[in-house]
Amino acid sequence: MNHEPGAAWLKVPRAVLLAVALLVLLTAMWAGLIRMGWVLPPIQPMLPALHGPLMVCGFLGVLLSLERAVALSAPLKPGERPARRYYLSPLLTALGSLALLVGVADWPGPLLITLGSVGLVLVFVVIIRRQPTLFTVVMGLGALTWLVGNVLWLSGQPIFNVVLWWVGFPLLTVAGERLELSRLFKLSVFSRATFLAASTVFLAGAALLPVDRDLGTRLAGLGELALALWLIRCDMAGRTVRRTGLTRYIAICLLLGYGWLGVGGAVSIVQGGVLAGPAYDAMLHTLFVGFAMSMIFGHAPIILPAILGIPVSYRAAYYAHLGLLHASMLLRIWGDLAGDLTLRQWGGMLNVIALLLFMANTAYTVRIARQQAQPAPLHLAS
């Protein structure tokens, strides 16, 4: 529980920003179902075209920048007030996302989101100056890839020219975080070198995209596959999966996510620079749903207490949304690669149901935690 000056005041804006991220996620999922062929009201005309920006920038952008703001704003000395300036990045991103939701998509929404990503890059400048290590630089590069993608999007580039840079945002952020934790096992020089090589290959592929889309996509896919293999081999999840309770649950989430990262990389290597269609769907959603959502499922019991100041306990029911997510991903990707539109559509629908179940399970856990944290009522003798 945070007792530093101003911490209680910050719980309200943190909760509001988190609520915006969840609202954007719900809307993005709705838009995604429309894009897959489900007949649903579009809410506003541009919504289906905004599925990608809402998912990556509106949801992941707000969530990851909020997580970083919470960590960095903590006072360094007793008696200091939390540094609220670090919340500018998630605030700008949330405002831009809301602008997209109400139909202001021409420039205010993308501009505000781009400014939010500038803020996150500046946050990482502070972090790297405090702790100049490989893992902080890699996470900073993740923020930079988000900024590059947003600048391209703001300049009017089509999403298929932008999305590979957006992939780098969750990919390098997670890879950097896991590299930090892997220091506990004293990684060899070779392991660190292979990690750096895999990250470099991915970035080289993204940079090559405007020159040779096909080669750039395959090279980025090779980087994704190499990072997946590195994480499966070197990340501590391979060891902690043998434990029990929350530790085991988190490890399973991570390992399944790494598996989807590898699948996405393999599909990119085989398919190359496709611009649309089932293979394009498989390349992206193995990353943004199979990989990224697995990371969120696993880290939610840790992130939520940090953001909201509410203890969140582990429940075996978490395996329900985790299992449904990965079963539905198998169905969806099988439909993509086999050219079966019905399987693909139902896989997408079950993806959404898994995410809704995750929200319901998490909300129930938070409610239970709040009830347990309340003092027991006094019963006066009559």
Protein backbone atom coordinates (compact mmCIF):
# COMPACT_ATOMS: atom_id res chain seq x y z
CA MET A 1 0.00 0.00 0.00
CA ASN A 2 1.37 3.42 -0.98
CA HIS A 3 1.61 6.00 1.81
CA GLU A 4 3.76 8.61 0.09
CA PRO A 5 2.31 12.15 -0.16
CA GLY A 6 -0.10 12.47 -3.05
CA ALA A 7 -0.31 8.72 -3.75
CA ALA A 8 -3.98 8.49 -2.72
CA TRP A 9 -4.86 11.43 -4.99
CA LEU A 10 -3.22 9.69 -7.95
CA LYS A 11 -5.41 6.59 -7.60
CA VAL A 12 -8.36 8.43 -9.18
CA PRO A 13 -6.64 9.56 -12.42
CA ARG A 14 -4.91 6.18 -12.66
CA ALA A 15 -8.29 4.45 -12.45
CA VAL A 16 -9.74 6.83 -15.06
CA LEU A 17 -6.87 6.19 -17.49
CA LEU A 18 -7.21 2.45 -16.97
CA ALA A 19 -10.96 2.73 -17.62
CA VAL A 20 -10.26 4.58 -20.88
CA ALA A 21 -7.86 1.80 -21.94
CA LEU A 22 -10.55 -0.83 -21.27
CA LEU A 23 -13.20 1.20 -23.11
CA VAL A 24 -10.89 1.47 -26.11
CA LEU A 25 -10.19 -2.28 -25.94
CA LEU A 26 -13.91 -3.07 -25.98
CA THR A 27 -14.47 -0.76 -28.94
CA ALA A 28 -11.45 -2.15 -30.80
CA MET A 29 -12.74 -5.69 -30.33
CA TRP A 30 -16.15 -4.64 -31.66
CA ALA A 31 -14.45 -3.08 -34.70
CA GLY A 32 -12.39 -6.23 -35.21
CA LEU A 33 -15.48 -8.44 -35.30
CA ILE A 34 -17.00 -6.16 -37.95
CA ARG A 35 -13.81 -6.43 -40.01
CA MET A 36 -14.02 -10.23 -39.79
CA GLY A 37 -17.51 -10.25 -41.26
CA TRP A 38 -19.77 -10.31 -38.21
CA VAL A 39 -22.83 -8.13 -38.82
CA LEU A 40 -22.79 -5.57 -36.00
CA PRO A 41 -23.69 -1.88 -35.81
CA PRO A 42 -20.53 0.13 -36.64
CA ILE A 43 -21.23 2.77 -33.90
CA GLN A 44 -19.45 5.37 -36.03
CA PRO A 45 -18.53 5.05 -39.75
CA MET A 46 -14.74 5.00 -39.35
CA LEU A 47 -14.69 2.47 -36.53
CA PRO A 48 -13.80 -0.68 -38.55
CA ALA A 49 -10.80 1.10 -40.12
CA LEU A 50 -9.59 2.14 -36.65
CA HIS A 51 -9.37 -1.38 -35.22
CA GLY A 52 -5.57 -1.50 -35.41
CA PRO A 53 -4.84 2.02 -34.08
CA LEU A 54 -7.31 1.56 -31.22
CA MET A 55 -5.88 -1.81 -30.24
CA VAL A 56 -2.21 -0.84 -30.40
CA CYS A 57 -2.23 2.86 -29.49
CA GLY A 58 -5.43 3.25 -27.52
CA PHE A 59 -5.21 0.10 -25.42
CA LEU A 60 -1.57 -1.02 -25.34
CA GLY A 61 -0.31 2.57 -25.57
CA VAL A 62 -2.31 3.81 -22.59
CA LEU A 63 -1.69 0.66 -20.54
CA LEU A 64 2.07 0.40 -21.07
CA SER A 65 2.71 4.13 -20.65
CA LEU A 66 0.53 4.17 -17.51
CA GLU A 67 2.48 1.25 -16.07
CA ARG A 68 5.74 3.09 -16.73
CA ALA A 69 4.38 6.33 -15.23
CA VAL A 70 3.36 4.56 -12.02
CA ALA A 71 6.82 3.04 -11.65
CA LEU A 72 8.78 6.19 -12.48
CA SER A 73 6.65 8.66 -10.53
CA ALA A 74 7.34 6.96 -7.20
CA PRO A 75 9.30 9.28 -4.86
CA LEU A 76 13.05 8.66 -4.70
CA LYS A 77 13.33 10.08 -1.18
CA PRO A 78 11.02 9.94 1.87
CA GLY A 79 8.62 12.88 1.95
CA GLU A 80 8.79 13.62 -1.79
CA ARG A 81 5.58 13.96 -3.75
CA PRO A 82 4.95 11.64 -6.72
CA ALA A 83 6.24 13.09 -10.01
CA ARG A 84 2.96 13.65 -11.86
CA ARG A 85 4.63 14.84 -15.08
CA TYR A 86 5.21 11.23 -16.12
CA TYR A 87 1.44 10.79 -16.49
CA LEU A 88 1.41 13.17 -19.47
CA SER A 89 2.14 10.32 -21.89
CA PRO A 90 -0.84 8.09 -20.94
CA LEU A 91 -3.05 11.19 -20.61
CA LEU A 92 -2.30 12.44 -24.15
CA THR A 93 -2.67 8.92 -25.53
CA ALA A 94 -6.01 8.47 -23.77
CA LEU A 95 -7.31 11.83 -25.08
CA GLY A 96 -6.24 10.94 -28.60
CA SER A 97 -7.94 7.55 -28.32
CA LEU A 98 -11.17 9.16 -27.15
CA ALA A 99 -10.96 11.55 -30.10
CA LEU A 100 -10.81 8.52 -32.42
CA LEU A 101 -13.80 6.95 -30.69
CA VAL A 102 -16.00 10.01 -31.28
CA GLY A 103 -15.00 10.19 -34.93
CA VAL A 104 -12.22 12.80 -34.86
CA ALA A 105 -9.74 10.68 -36.78
CA ASP A 106 -8.28 13.08 -39.37
CA TRP A 107 -5.54 14.62 -37.23
CA PRO A 108 -6.40 15.49 -33.59
CA GLY A 109 -6.57 11.84 -32.50
CA PRO A 110 -3.37 10.68 -34.24
CA LEU A 111 -1.57 13.88 -33.23
CA LEU A 112 -2.40 13.50 -29.54
CA ILE A 113 -1.40 9.83 -29.62
CA THR A 114 1.87 10.70 -31.36
CA LEU A 115 2.59 13.32 -28.70
CA GLY A 116 1.85 10.66 -26.08
CA SER A 117 4.47 8.40 -27.66
CA VAL A 118 6.95 11.30 -27.66
CA GLY A 119 6.28 11.55 -23.93
CA LEU A 120 6.99 7.85 -23.44
CA VAL A 121 10.29 8.12 -25.33
CA LEU A 122 11.27 11.03 -23.05
CA VAL A 123 10.32 8.91 -20.04
CA PHE A 124 12.75 6.26 -21.24
CA VAL A 125 15.44 8.87 -21.72
CA VAL A 126 15.10 9.52 -17.98
CA ILE A 127 15.10 5.79 -17.21
CA ILE A 128 18.19 5.10 -19.34
CA ARG A 129 20.07 8.01 -17.78
CA ARG A 130 19.30 6.57 -14.34
CA GLN A 131 20.10 2.99 -15.33
CA PRO A 132 22.12 2.68 -18.58
CA THR A 133 21.77 -1.05 -19.23
CA LEU A 134 20.91 -3.22 -22.21
CA PHE A 135 17.40 -3.99 -20.96
CA THR A 136 16.45 -0.33 -20.43
CA VAL A 137 17.79 0.53 -23.90
CA VAL A 138 15.74 -2.30 -25.46
CA MET A 139 12.57 -1.12 -23.70
CA GLY A 140 13.38 2.42 -24.84
CA LEU A 141 13.69 1.14 -28.40
CA GLY A 142 10.22 -0.38 -27.96
CA ALA A 143 8.85 3.08 -27.14
CA LEU A 144 10.78 4.52 -30.10
CA THR A 145 9.26 2.00 -32.53
CA TRP A 146 5.82 3.08 -31.31
CA LEU A 147 6.75 6.71 -31.98
CA VAL A 148 8.08 5.91 -35.47
CA GLY A 149 4.88 4.02 -36.29
CA ASN A 150 2.74 6.88 -34.99
CA VAL A 151 4.66 9.47 -37.02
CA LEU A 152 4.14 7.36 -40.16
CA TRP A 153 0.44 6.99 -39.32
CA LEU A 154 0.09 10.72 -38.69
CA SER A 155 1.74 11.44 -42.04
CA GLY A 156 -0.97 9.45 -43.83
CA GLN A 157 0.83 6.15 -44.43
CA PRO A 158 -1.47 3.11 -44.76
CA ILE A 159 -1.63 0.82 -41.74
CA PHE A 160 0.26 -1.99 -43.51
CA ASN A 161 3.28 0.34 -43.74
CA VAL A 162 2.97 1.25 -40.07
CA VAL A 163 2.05 -1.93 -38.26
CA LEU A 164 5.49 -3.57 -38.18
CA TRP A 165 6.79 -0.62 -36.17
CA TRP A 166 3.80 -0.97 -33.86
CA VAL A 167 4.67 -4.65 -33.41
CA GLY A 168 8.03 -3.55 -32.00
CA PHE A 169 6.30 -1.69 -29.17
CA PRO A 170 4.99 -4.64 -27.11
CA LEU A 171 7.67 -6.99 -28.47
CA LEU A 172 10.72 -4.99 -27.34
CA THR A 173 9.02 -3.77 -24.17
CA VAL A 174 8.35 -7.33 -23.02
CA ALA A 175 11.72 -8.61 -24.25
CA GLY A 176 13.53 -5.89 -22.30
CA GLU A 177 11.53 -6.59 -19.14
CA ARG A 178 12.26 -10.31 -19.35
CA LEU A 179 15.94 -9.65 -20.01
CA GLU A 180 16.02 -7.62 -16.78
CA LEU A 181 14.56 -10.50 -14.76
CA SER A 182 16.84 -13.02 -16.45
CA ARG A 183 19.83 -11.30 -14.84
CA LEU A 184 18.97 -13.33 -11.73
CA PHE A 185 20.40 -16.37 -13.55
CA LYS A 186 23.61 -14.62 -14.66
CA LEU A 187 23.22 -14.88 -18.42
CA SER A 188 26.30 -15.79 -20.39
CA VAL A 189 27.93 -13.39 -22.82
CA PHE A 190 26.66 -15.61 -25.65
CA SER A 191 23.05 -15.41 -24.40
CA ARG A 192 23.20 -11.63 -24.22
CA ALA A 193 24.78 -11.47 -27.68
CA THR A 194 22.07 -13.64 -29.23
CA PHE A 195 19.38 -11.51 -27.59
CA LEU A 196 20.94 -8.37 -29.03
CA ALA A 197 21.31 -9.99 -32.45
CA ALA A 198 17.65 -11.08 -32.54
CA SER A 199 16.45 -7.60 -31.56
CA THR A 200 18.71 -6.01 -34.17
CA VAL A 201 17.43 -8.33 -36.90
CA PHE A 202 13.83 -7.37 -36.10
CA LEU A 203 14.64 -3.63 -36.20
CA ALA A 204 16.59 -4.06 -39.43
CA GLY A 205 13.57 -5.74 -41.01
CA ALA A 206 11.28 -2.89 -39.96
CA ALA A 207 13.74 -0.31 -41.31
CA LEU A 208 14.06 -2.21 -44.62
CA LEU A 209 10.29 -2.27 -45.19
CA PRO A 210 10.08 0.91 -47.38
CA VAL A 211 12.90 -0.38 -49.61
CA ASP A 212 11.90 -4.03 -49.94
CA ARG A 213 8.65 -4.94 -48.25
CA ASP A 214 8.97 -8.67 -48.81
CA LEU A 215 12.55 -8.96 -47.51
CA GLY A 216 11.86 -6.56 -44.65
CA THR A 217 8.86 -8.58 -43.46
CA ARG A 218 10.78 -11.86 -43.63
CA LEU A 219 13.76 -10.38 -41.80
CA ALA A 220 11.53 -8.95 -39.06
CA GLY A 221 9.84 -12.37 -38.81
CA LEU A 222 13.25 -13.97 -38.36
CA GLY A 223 13.92 -11.55 -35.51
CA GLU A 224 10.57 -12.40 -33.92
CA LEU A 225 11.25 -16.13 -34.18
CA ALA A 226 14.75 -15.72 -32.76
CA LEU A 227 13.44 -13.67 -29.82
CA ALA A 228 10.75 -16.27 -29.15
CA LEU A 229 13.33 -19.07 -29.06
CA TRP A 230 15.58 -16.97 -26.82
CA LEU A 231 12.74 -16.27 -24.39
CA ILE A 232 11.67 -19.91 -24.26
CA ARG A 233 15.28 -20.97 -23.63
CA CYS A 234 16.59 -18.20 -21.35
CA ASP A 235 13.62 -16.61 -19.58
CA MET A 236 13.03 -17.54 -15.96
CA ALA A 237 9.47 -18.70 -16.87
CA GLY A 238 11.00 -21.99 -18.00
CA ARG A 239 12.03 -22.58 -14.38
CA THR A 240 9.15 -20.99 -12.47
CA VAL A 241 6.57 -23.02 -14.41
CA ARG A 242 7.47 -25.91 -12.08
CA ARG A 243 6.14 -24.01 -9.07
CA THR A 244 2.51 -23.58 -7.99
CA GLY A 245 -0.21 -20.94 -7.71
CA LEU A 246 0.26 -17.49 -9.21
CA THR A 247 3.92 -18.09 -10.08
CA ARG A 248 3.04 -21.09 -12.22
CA TYR A 249 0.09 -19.30 -13.83
CA ILE A 250 2.27 -16.34 -14.87
CA ALA A 251 4.92 -18.67 -16.27
CA ILE A 252 2.36 -20.56 -18.36
CA CYS A 253 0.99 -17.28 -19.71
CA LEU A 254 4.47 -16.18 -20.71
CA LEU A 255 5.50 -19.45 -22.33
CA LEU A 256 2.28 -19.67 -24.36
CA GLY A 257 2.81 -16.07 -25.46
CA TYR A 258 6.36 -16.85 -26.55
CA GLY A 259 4.98 -19.73 -28.57
CA TRP A 260 2.62 -17.42 -30.47
CA LEU A 261 5.46 -14.97 -31.03
CA GLY A 262 7.40 -17.78 -32.69
CA VAL A 263 4.40 -18.77 -34.81
CA GLY A 264 3.96 -15.17 -35.93
CA GLY A 265 7.62 -14.94 -36.88
CA ALA A 266 7.43 -18.20 -38.84
CA VAL A 267 4.32 -17.05 -40.73
CA SER A 268 6.09 -13.78 -41.62
CA ILE A 269 9.13 -15.67 -42.92
CA VAL A 270 6.98 -17.92 -45.11
CA GLN A 271 4.41 -15.37 -46.33
CA GLY A 272 6.58 -12.29 -46.75
CA GLY A 273 5.14 -8.85 -47.43
CA VAL A 274 1.43 -9.59 -47.81
CA LEU A 275 -0.82 -6.52 -47.49
CA ALA A 276 -4.12 -8.11 -46.50
CA GLY A 277 -6.01 -11.38 -46.23
CA PRO A 278 -5.84 -14.42 -43.93
CA ALA A 279 -2.02 -14.65 -43.85
CA TYR A 280 -1.83 -10.96 -42.89
CA ASP A 281 -4.38 -11.60 -40.13
CA ALA A 282 -2.30 -14.52 -38.83
CA MET A 283 0.94 -12.51 -38.88
CA LEU A 284 -0.54 -9.68 -36.81
CA HIS A 285 -2.87 -11.41 -34.39
CA THR A 286 -0.36 -14.04 -33.28
CA LEU A 287 1.57 -10.98 -32.02
CA PHE A 288 -1.15 -8.62 -30.78
CA VAL A 289 -3.53 -11.26 -29.38
CA GLY A 290 -1.62 -14.49 -28.85
CA PHE A 291 1.57 -12.85 -27.57
CA ALA A 292 0.55 -9.45 -26.18
CA MET A 293 -2.65 -10.58 -24.47
CA SER A 294 -0.85 -13.52 -22.88
CA MET A 295 1.60 -11.04 -21.38
CA ILE A 296 -1.30 -8.93 -20.07
CA PHE A 297 -3.11 -11.96 -18.65
CA GLY A 298 0.04 -12.97 -16.80
CA HIS A 299 1.02 -9.54 -15.53
CA ALA A 300 -2.46 -8.27 -14.56
CA PRO A 301 -2.25 -9.62 -10.97
CA ILE A 302 0.98 -7.60 -10.60
CA ILE A 303 0.13 -4.48 -12.63
CA LEU A 304 -3.31 -3.80 -11.14
CA PRO A 305 -2.13 -3.56 -7.52
CA ALA A 306 0.59 -1.13 -8.65
CA ILE A 307 -1.85 1.06 -10.61
CA LEU A 308 -4.89 0.97 -8.33
CA GLY A 309 -3.33 0.20 -4.96
CA ILE A 310 -5.64 -2.80 -4.57
CA PRO A 311 -4.31 -6.25 -3.68
CA VAL A 312 -5.30 -8.83 -6.31
CA SER A 313 -5.10 -12.46 -5.30
CA TYR A 314 -4.64 -15.47 -7.55
CA ARG A 315 -7.63 -17.64 -8.47
CA ALA A 316 -7.61 -20.96 -10.31
CA ALA A 317 -10.45 -19.52 -12.44
CA TYR A 318 -7.81 -17.48 -14.29
CA TYR A 319 -7.08 -20.61 -16.32
CA ALA A 320 -10.58 -20.35 -17.85
CA HIS A 321 -9.85 -17.15 -19.79
CA LEU A 322 -6.28 -18.24 -20.50
CA GLY A 323 -7.36 -21.59 -21.92
CA LEU A 324 -10.14 -20.03 -23.99
CA LEU A 325 -7.79 -17.41 -25.42
CA HIS A 326 -5.32 -19.98 -26.70
CA ALA A 327 -7.92 -22.46 -27.89
CA SER A 328 -9.58 -19.66 -29.87
CA MET A 329 -6.20 -18.58 -31.26
CA LEU A 330 -5.61 -22.11 -32.54
CA LEU A 331 -9.03 -22.03 -34.20
CA ARG A 332 -8.44 -18.59 -35.71
CA ILE A 333 -4.95 -19.24 -37.06
CA TRP A 334 -5.99 -22.63 -38.40
CA GLY A 335 -8.82 -20.88 -40.23
CA ASP A 336 -6.40 -18.25 -41.55
CA LEU A 337 -3.84 -20.71 -42.88
CA ALA A 338 -6.44 -23.17 -44.20
CA GLY A 339 -8.51 -20.46 -45.87
CA ASP A 340 -11.58 -21.34 -43.79
CA LEU A 341 -13.49 -18.09 -43.17
CA THR A 342 -15.96 -19.68 -40.74
CA LEU A 343 -13.21 -21.01 -38.46
CA ARG A 344 -11.46 -17.66 -38.62
CA GLN A 345 -14.64 -15.77 -37.67
CA TRP A 346 -15.46 -18.05 -34.76
CA GLY A 347 -11.87 -17.94 -33.60
CA GLY A 348 -12.10 -14.14 -33.56
CA MET A 349 -15.41 -14.20 -31.70
CA LEU A 350 -13.99 -16.57 -29.08
CA ASN A 351 -10.93 -14.29 -28.76
CA VAL A 352 -13.31 -11.53 -27.74
CA ILE A 353 -15.20 -13.77 -25.31
CA ALA A 354 -11.88 -14.81 -23.72
CA LEU A 355 -10.96 -11.15 -23.19
CA LEU A 356 -14.38 -10.40 -21.72
CA LEU A 357 -14.02 -13.39 -19.39
CA PHE A 358 -10.60 -12.06 -18.37
CA MET A 359 -12.16 -8.70 -17.50
CA ALA A 360 -14.96 -10.39 -15.54
CA ASN A 361 -12.58 -12.64 -13.62
CA THR A 362 -10.30 -9.71 -12.82
CA ALA A 363 -13.19 -7.47 -11.73
CA TYR A 364 -14.50 -10.22 -9.45
CA THR A 365 -11.05 -10.67 -7.93
CA VAL A 366 -10.74 -6.91 -7.31
CA ARG A 367 -14.17 -6.89 -5.68
CA ILE A 368 -13.22 -9.74 -3.36
CA ALA A 369 -9.94 -8.01 -2.49
CA ARG A 370 -11.78 -4.80 -1.63
CA GLN A 371 -14.24 -6.65 0.57
CA GLN A 372 -11.44 -8.42 2.41
CA ALA A 373 -9.56 -5.14 2.89
CA GLN A 374 -12.53 -3.47 4.59
CA PRO A 375 -12.51 -3.60 8.38
CA ALA A 376 -15.06 -5.88 9.95
CA PRO A 377 -18.12 -4.05 11.33
CA LEU A 378 -18.39 -3.61 15.07
CA HIS A 379 -21.25 -5.49 16.75
CA LEU A 380 -22.33 -3.76 19.95
CA ALA A 381 -23.84 -5.89 22.65
CA SER A 382 -27.52 -5.18 23.21
